[in-house]
Amino acid sequence: MANSSNPSALRAVIWAAIVVSVLTFTPLVIPPSQCEPVLLGLPRTLWAGMLVAIVLVGLTALAARLIGTDDSGNPS
């Protein structure tokens, strides 16, 4: 596992998470007064929310790999 010797990569992951979180509340994800189109019986907003959640989980996993741990299991 990598340790935190690459702080710029960790900063990029943190900024990506912030941007995704902010975009979640824009009309790109939550269109005003609209529930169409529907895909597989679910509105587009729900699909977009699930995609945002998956992206945030991926960014969290990436950040955890970048931080790493030492032999005793503590963050390095």
C-alpha atoms as a PDB file:
ATOM      1  CA  MET A   1       0.000   0.000   0.000  1.00  0.00           C
ATOM      2  CA  ALA A   2       1.142   3.512  -0.727  1.00  0.00           C
ATOM      3  CA  ASN A   3       1.591   6.002   2.046  1.00  0.00           C
ATOM      4  CA  SER A   4       0.809   9.702   2.102  1.00  0.00           C
ATOM      5  CA  SER A   5       4.028  10.624   0.282  1.00  0.00           C
ATOM      6  CA  ASN A   6       1.886  12.039  -2.540  1.00  0.00           C
ATOM      7  CA  PRO A   7      -0.173  14.818  -0.930  1.00  0.00           C
ATOM      8  CA  SER A   8      -1.122  16.358  -4.283  1.00  0.00           C
ATOM      9  CA  ALA A   9      -2.941  13.167  -5.308  1.00  0.00           C
ATOM     10  CA  LEU A  10      -4.794  13.119  -1.999  1.00  0.00           C
ATOM     11  CA  ARG A  11      -5.709  16.792  -2.430  1.00  0.00           C
ATOM     12  CA  ALA A  12      -7.035  16.024  -5.920  1.00  0.00           C
ATOM     13  CA  VAL A  13      -9.236  13.239  -4.528  1.00  0.00           C
ATOM     14  CA  ILE A  14     -10.542  15.535  -1.791  1.00  0.00           C
ATOM     15  CA  TRP A  15     -11.334  18.278  -4.313  1.00  0.00           C
ATOM     16  CA  ALA A  16     -13.061  15.753  -6.586  1.00  0.00           C
ATOM     17  CA  ALA A  17     -15.263  14.655  -3.675  1.00  0.00           C
ATOM     18  CA  ILE A  18     -16.122  18.277  -2.892  1.00  0.00           C
ATOM     19  CA  VAL A  19     -16.997  18.998  -6.532  1.00  0.00           C
ATOM     20  CA  VAL A  20     -19.173  15.882  -6.792  1.00  0.00           C
ATOM     21  CA  SER A  21     -20.934  16.823  -3.544  1.00  0.00           C
ATOM     22  CA  VAL A  22     -21.638  20.356  -4.782  1.00  0.00           C
ATOM     23  CA  LEU A  23     -22.821  19.119  -8.196  1.00  0.00           C
ATOM     24  CA  THR A  24     -25.292  16.843  -6.429  1.00  0.00           C
ATOM     25  CA  PHE A  25     -27.444  19.847  -5.554  1.00  0.00           C
ATOM     26  CA  THR A  26     -27.381  21.514  -8.966  1.00  0.00           C
ATOM     27  CA  PRO A  27     -30.006  21.163 -11.702  1.00  0.00           C
ATOM     28  CA  LEU A  28     -27.694  18.642 -13.393  1.00  0.00           C
ATOM     29  CA  VAL A  29     -28.720  16.042 -10.812  1.00  0.00           C
ATOM     30  CA  ILE A  30     -31.902  17.470  -9.325  1.00  0.00           C
ATOM     31  CA  PRO A  31     -33.923  19.129 -12.101  1.00  0.00           C
ATOM     32  CA  PRO A  32     -36.655  21.414 -10.752  1.00  0.00           C
ATOM     33  CA  SER A  33     -40.185  19.938 -10.888  1.00  0.00           C
ATOM     34  CA  GLN A  34     -39.220  17.058 -13.135  1.00  0.00           C
ATOM     35  CA  CYS A  35     -39.246  13.296 -12.691  1.00  0.00           C
ATOM     36  CA  GLU A  36     -38.913  12.312 -16.359  1.00  0.00           C
ATOM     37  CA  PRO A  37     -37.266  10.495 -18.045  1.00  0.00           C
ATOM     38  CA  VAL A  38     -37.801   7.181 -16.316  1.00  0.00           C
ATOM     39  CA  LEU A  39     -35.321   4.342 -16.757  1.00  0.00           C
ATOM     40  CA  LEU A  40     -36.342   0.853 -15.592  1.00  0.00           C
ATOM     41  CA  GLY A  41     -39.226   2.394 -13.656  1.00  0.00           C
ATOM     42  CA  LEU A  42     -36.989   4.779 -11.692  1.00  0.00           C
ATOM     43  CA  PRO A  43     -36.666   8.534 -12.292  1.00  0.00           C
ATOM     44  CA  ARG A  44     -33.432   9.995 -13.658  1.00  0.00           C
ATOM     45  CA  THR A  45     -32.828  11.809 -10.375  1.00  0.00           C
ATOM     46  CA  LEU A  46     -32.645   8.510  -8.489  1.00  0.00           C
ATOM     47  CA  TRP A  47     -30.196   7.067 -11.035  1.00  0.00           C
ATOM     48  CA  ALA A  48     -28.057  10.192 -10.765  1.00  0.00           C
ATOM     49  CA  GLY A  49     -28.101   9.929  -6.969  1.00  0.00           C
ATOM     50  CA  MET A  50     -26.953   6.316  -7.132  1.00  0.00           C
ATOM     51  CA  LEU A  51     -24.172   7.286  -9.528  1.00  0.00           C
ATOM     52  CA  VAL A  52     -23.042  10.067  -7.176  1.00  0.00           C
ATOM     53  CA  ALA A  53     -22.988   7.589  -4.276  1.00  0.00           C
ATOM     54  CA  ILE A  54     -20.894   5.117  -6.273  1.00  0.00           C
ATOM     55  CA  VAL A  55     -18.447   7.855  -7.280  1.00  0.00           C
ATOM     56  CA  LEU A  56     -18.090   9.019  -3.666  1.00  0.00           C
ATOM     57  CA  VAL A  57     -17.454   5.444  -2.483  1.00  0.00           C
ATOM     58  CA  GLY A  58     -14.776   5.083  -5.160  1.00  0.00           C
ATOM     59  CA  LEU A  59     -13.144   8.370  -4.166  1.00  0.00           C
ATOM     60  CA  THR A  60     -13.208   7.315  -0.508  1.00  0.00           C
ATOM     61  CA  ALA A  61     -11.530   3.997  -1.367  1.00  0.00           C
ATOM     62  CA  LEU A  62      -8.902   5.809  -3.419  1.00  0.00           C
ATOM     63  CA  ALA A  63      -8.202   8.251  -0.586  1.00  0.00           C
ATOM     64  CA  ALA A  64      -7.860   5.351   1.859  1.00  0.00           C
ATOM     65  CA  ARG A  65      -5.283   3.713  -0.437  1.00  0.00           C
ATOM     66  CA  LEU A  66      -3.382   6.982  -0.753  1.00  0.00           C
ATOM     67  CA  ILE A  67      -3.266   7.490   3.016  1.00  0.00           C
ATOM     68  CA  GLY A  68      -2.273   3.896   3.739  1.00  0.00           C
ATOM     69  CA  THR A  69      -1.434   2.381   7.115  1.00  0.00           C
ATOM     70  CA  ASP A  70       1.720   1.362   8.937  1.00  0.00           C
ATOM     71  CA  ASP A  71       2.397  -2.147  10.287  1.00  0.00           C
ATOM     72  CA  SER A  72       0.323  -1.584  13.438  1.00  0.00           C
ATOM     73  CA  GLY A  73      -2.767  -0.568  11.429  1.00  0.00           C
ATOM     74  CA  ASN A  74      -2.549   3.137  12.232  1.00  0.00           C
ATOM     75  CA  PRO A  75      -2.769   5.731   9.461  1.00  0.00           C
ATOM     76  CA  SER A  76       0.720   6.607   8.275  1.00  0.00           C
END
